[in-house]
Structures are given as structure tokens and as C-alpha cells.
Amino acid sequence: LFLHRKFTLQKRLLIIVIACILGLIFSIYQTYSNPKMAYFLLPARLFELTIGSYLAMYWNQLPDLNKVKNNILSIIGFALIIIPALILNKSSLFPGLNAFWPCLGTAILIFTGKTEQTKGIINRLIQNKLMVGIGLISYSLYLWHWPIFVLLKYIGINFEGTTRIATIT
């Protein structure tokens, strides 16, 4: 809001791009020097917020692409989200550069869903009723299951085999 009131559209763009670049550099640095701080605290996640800020502030100025371009971009955006989810493991540094790609992919997916008539193929796939239903309940399931997981771990129950399955269901 401050940027919106005090600066022109061009200056806001420059400030957001600089904040995104500096935020990403800081996140990469923090990921190597203090991984827990980088993961849990806002300064190392600033670049993630600036990507979303750019989309929000420039939504009306973003071009409307044709269906073919949106299809291609939506597949690229989806790949930028899925590939890190499949290849990152416990030893991967995060957030840093490993968080940049899924954030960029998400921004691309949001962008390719801008116009109803030319939505990307991935946008259309994730709009089906099953996917929307899963999306509507997923966070609630997470919130309800987490205290149960913490309690069971606290009292010393091991999360293996049937205990894990019973707890999840």
C-alpha cells in the first residue's frame, strides 16, 4: 500500500524487482549460513512474497495470451512445482534457490488462469470438482491431524506401519 500511494507504477516495478532479487540472494545466503532461520523467518522468504506482489500489482497490465501459449506456460509452471517436489530430499537446502522454482511455477500457473476463455490446460485440470474438493479440505485435514501427531509423538508412540496409517485416516 505504501508503494502504491507513494510511487508510480514504473518505480513500484523497479522496487519490487530489486526486492525480489535481493531477497533471493539473502535467502540463498541464509540457507547456507543459518538454515533454520532461513526456513522459519520472513526475511529469507521475502522474495516469495514479492513474486506474489508483482502479480497482484500488475494483474491488469499483464498481457492476455492465446490458448496455445497459456497451455505451454501452464505446463512449464506445473513442472516448476512438481519437479522440485520429486527431487528435493532431506539433505536439499531450502528455501533459497530451491524455493524459487515452485514460487515461480505458482506465479506462472496463476497468470495462465487469468482469462477464462484461454486458460492453460493445467488450470483447467486443477479446476475439476475432485481437485477443488481436495483443495478445500486439505488445510483443514492438516490442522486437525497435526495436534494428534504431536500428542502421539509426545507420549512416545512410534509412527510406523499401521499406527501411521490409522493416524492419517
Protein backbone atom coordinates (compact mmCIF):
# COMPACT_ATOMS: atom_id res chain seq x y z
CA LEU A 1 0.00 0.00 0.00
CA PHE A 2 2.87 2.33 0.78
CA LEU A 3 4.44 1.73 -2.63
CA HIS A 4 1.08 2.17 -4.32
CA ARG A 5 0.48 5.55 -2.71
CA LYS A 6 3.97 6.99 -2.96
CA PHE A 7 5.40 5.72 -6.26
CA THR A 8 4.45 5.50 -9.91
CA LEU A 9 3.76 2.12 -11.50
CA GLN A 10 7.24 2.02 -13.09
CA LYS A 11 9.01 2.82 -9.82
CA ARG A 12 6.97 0.19 -7.99
CA LEU A 13 8.04 -2.37 -10.58
CA LEU A 14 11.68 -1.45 -10.08
CA ILE A 15 11.37 -1.61 -6.29
CA ILE A 16 9.63 -5.00 -6.41
CA VAL A 17 12.18 -6.47 -8.83
CA ILE A 18 15.09 -5.21 -6.72
CA ALA A 19 13.44 -6.51 -3.52
CA CYS A 20 12.87 -9.88 -5.18
CA ILE A 21 16.49 -10.17 -6.37
CA LEU A 22 17.95 -9.01 -3.06
CA GLY A 23 15.53 -11.22 -1.16
CA LEU A 24 16.53 -14.26 -3.21
CA ILE A 25 20.23 -13.53 -2.70
CA PHE A 26 19.66 -13.14 1.04
CA SER A 27 17.63 -16.36 1.13
CA ILE A 28 20.41 -18.27 -0.62
CA TYR A 29 22.98 -16.83 1.80
CA GLN A 30 20.84 -17.61 4.86
CA THR A 31 20.10 -21.11 3.61
CA TYR A 32 23.83 -21.84 3.71
CA SER A 33 24.70 -19.87 6.86
CA ASN A 34 21.63 -20.39 9.07
CA PRO A 35 19.18 -22.91 7.53
CA LYS A 36 16.65 -22.82 10.39
CA MET A 37 16.41 -19.05 10.32
CA ALA A 38 16.10 -19.12 6.55
CA TYR A 39 13.30 -21.66 6.73
CA PHE A 40 11.21 -20.14 9.53
CA LEU A 41 11.71 -16.37 9.39
CA LEU A 42 10.30 -13.85 6.94
CA PRO A 43 13.46 -12.08 5.70
CA ALA A 44 14.67 -15.17 3.85
CA ARG A 45 11.20 -15.61 2.36
CA LEU A 46 10.83 -12.02 1.14
CA PHE A 47 11.38 -12.96 -2.50
CA GLU A 48 8.39 -15.34 -2.33
CA LEU A 49 6.12 -12.51 -1.26
CA THR A 50 7.48 -10.15 -3.92
CA ILE A 51 6.61 -12.64 -6.66
CA GLY A 52 3.02 -12.60 -5.46
CA SER A 53 3.14 -8.83 -5.04
CA TYR A 54 4.20 -8.39 -8.63
CA LEU A 55 1.25 -10.44 -9.84
CA ALA A 56 -1.18 -8.55 -7.64
CA MET A 57 0.09 -5.08 -8.51
CA TYR A 58 0.38 -5.68 -12.25
CA TRP A 59 -2.55 -8.01 -12.82
CA ASN A 60 -4.37 -5.61 -15.12
CA GLN A 61 -1.22 -4.75 -17.08
CA LEU A 62 -0.22 -8.38 -17.70
CA PRO A 63 -0.90 -9.45 -21.29
CA ASP A 64 -3.70 -11.82 -22.24
CA LEU A 65 -2.05 -14.70 -24.06
CA ASN A 66 -3.69 -17.07 -26.51
CA LYS A 67 -4.69 -20.60 -25.52
CA VAL A 68 -1.61 -22.30 -27.01
CA LYS A 69 0.81 -20.03 -25.14
CA ASN A 70 -1.17 -20.43 -21.91
CA ASN A 71 -1.17 -24.22 -22.33
CA ILE A 72 2.60 -24.29 -22.75
CA LEU A 73 3.20 -21.88 -19.88
CA SER A 74 0.83 -23.75 -17.57
CA ILE A 75 2.73 -26.99 -18.22
CA ILE A 76 6.03 -25.20 -17.50
CA GLY A 77 4.57 -23.71 -14.31
CA PHE A 78 3.32 -27.12 -13.19
CA ALA A 79 6.73 -28.68 -13.93
CA LEU A 80 8.44 -25.97 -11.85
CA ILE A 81 6.26 -27.01 -8.91
CA ILE A 82 6.34 -30.79 -9.35
CA ILE A 83 10.00 -31.38 -10.27
CA PRO A 84 11.37 -29.87 -7.04
CA ALA A 85 8.74 -31.79 -5.05
CA LEU A 86 10.04 -35.00 -6.60
CA ILE A 87 13.79 -34.38 -6.50
CA LEU A 88 14.33 -32.47 -3.25
CA ASN A 89 15.08 -34.55 -0.18
CA LYS A 90 16.06 -34.03 3.46
CA SER A 91 19.60 -33.04 2.51
CA SER A 92 18.45 -30.41 -0.01
CA LEU A 93 18.97 -26.83 1.05
CA PHE A 94 15.71 -24.94 1.48
CA PRO A 95 14.38 -22.30 0.97
CA GLY A 96 16.95 -20.44 -1.16
CA LEU A 97 17.00 -21.27 -4.84
CA ASN A 98 15.07 -24.49 -4.23
CA ALA A 99 12.06 -22.42 -3.13
CA PHE A 100 12.33 -20.00 -6.04
CA TRP A 101 11.29 -22.51 -8.72
CA PRO A 102 7.99 -23.61 -7.14
CA CYS A 103 7.12 -19.97 -6.39
CA LEU A 104 7.81 -19.01 -9.99
CA GLY A 105 5.79 -22.02 -11.18
CA THR A 106 2.87 -20.99 -8.98
CA ALA A 107 3.00 -17.44 -10.32
CA ILE A 108 3.01 -18.78 -13.88
CA LEU A 109 0.00 -21.01 -13.13
CA ILE A 110 -1.90 -18.10 -11.62
CA PHE A 111 -1.04 -15.97 -14.66
CA THR A 112 -2.14 -18.65 -17.17
CA GLY A 113 -5.52 -18.80 -15.46
CA LYS A 114 -6.11 -15.08 -15.91
CA THR A 115 -8.58 -15.30 -18.77
CA GLU A 116 -11.44 -17.81 -18.68
CA GLN A 117 -11.52 -18.42 -22.44
CA THR A 118 -7.78 -19.05 -22.81
CA LYS A 119 -6.90 -20.79 -19.55
CA GLY A 120 -3.96 -23.15 -19.65
CA ILE A 121 -4.51 -26.90 -19.69
CA ILE A 122 -3.19 -27.33 -16.14
CA ASN A 123 -5.51 -24.58 -14.92
CA ARG A 124 -8.45 -26.44 -16.41
CA LEU A 125 -7.32 -29.74 -14.89
CA ILE A 126 -6.99 -28.33 -11.37
CA GLN A 127 -10.44 -26.77 -11.63
CA ASN A 128 -12.26 -30.09 -11.77
CA LYS A 129 -14.54 -30.84 -8.82
CA LEU A 130 -12.32 -33.53 -7.32
CA MET A 131 -9.23 -31.30 -7.26
CA VAL A 132 -11.20 -28.35 -5.88
CA GLY A 133 -12.71 -30.61 -3.21
CA ILE A 134 -9.28 -31.86 -2.16
CA GLY A 135 -8.04 -28.29 -2.05
CA LEU A 136 -10.95 -27.18 0.10
CA ILE A 137 -10.35 -29.83 2.78
CA SER A 138 -6.56 -30.28 2.64
CA TYR A 139 -5.61 -27.48 5.02
CA SER A 140 -8.37 -28.42 7.45
CA LEU A 141 -7.13 -32.02 7.46
CA TYR A 142 -3.61 -30.79 8.12
CA LEU A 143 -4.79 -28.62 11.01
CA TRP A 144 -6.83 -31.42 12.59
CA HIS A 145 -4.16 -34.10 12.19
CA TRP A 146 -1.20 -32.08 13.39
CA PRO A 147 -2.20 -31.89 17.09
CA ILE A 148 -2.87 -35.64 17.02
CA PHE A 149 0.59 -36.30 15.54
CA VAL A 150 2.24 -34.08 18.15
CA LEU A 151 0.35 -35.69 21.04
CA LEU A 152 1.16 -39.23 19.92
CA LYS A 153 4.81 -38.36 19.43
CA TYR A 154 4.88 -36.65 22.85
CA ILE A 155 3.56 -39.75 24.63
CA GLY A 156 6.12 -41.89 22.79
CA ILE A 157 4.07 -43.71 20.18
CA ASN A 158 6.15 -44.71 17.17
CA PHE A 159 4.79 -43.64 13.77
CA GLU A 160 5.33 -46.80 11.78
CA GLY A 161 3.17 -49.26 9.91
CA THR A 162 -0.46 -49.47 10.95
CA THR A 163 -0.12 -46.69 13.54
CA ARG A 164 0.88 -44.26 10.81
CA ILE A 165 -1.97 -45.36 8.55
CA ALA A 166 -4.53 -45.21 11.39
CA THR A 167 -3.34 -41.75 12.42
CA ILE A 168 -3.53 -40.38 8.90
CA THR A 169 -7.01 -41.77 8.28
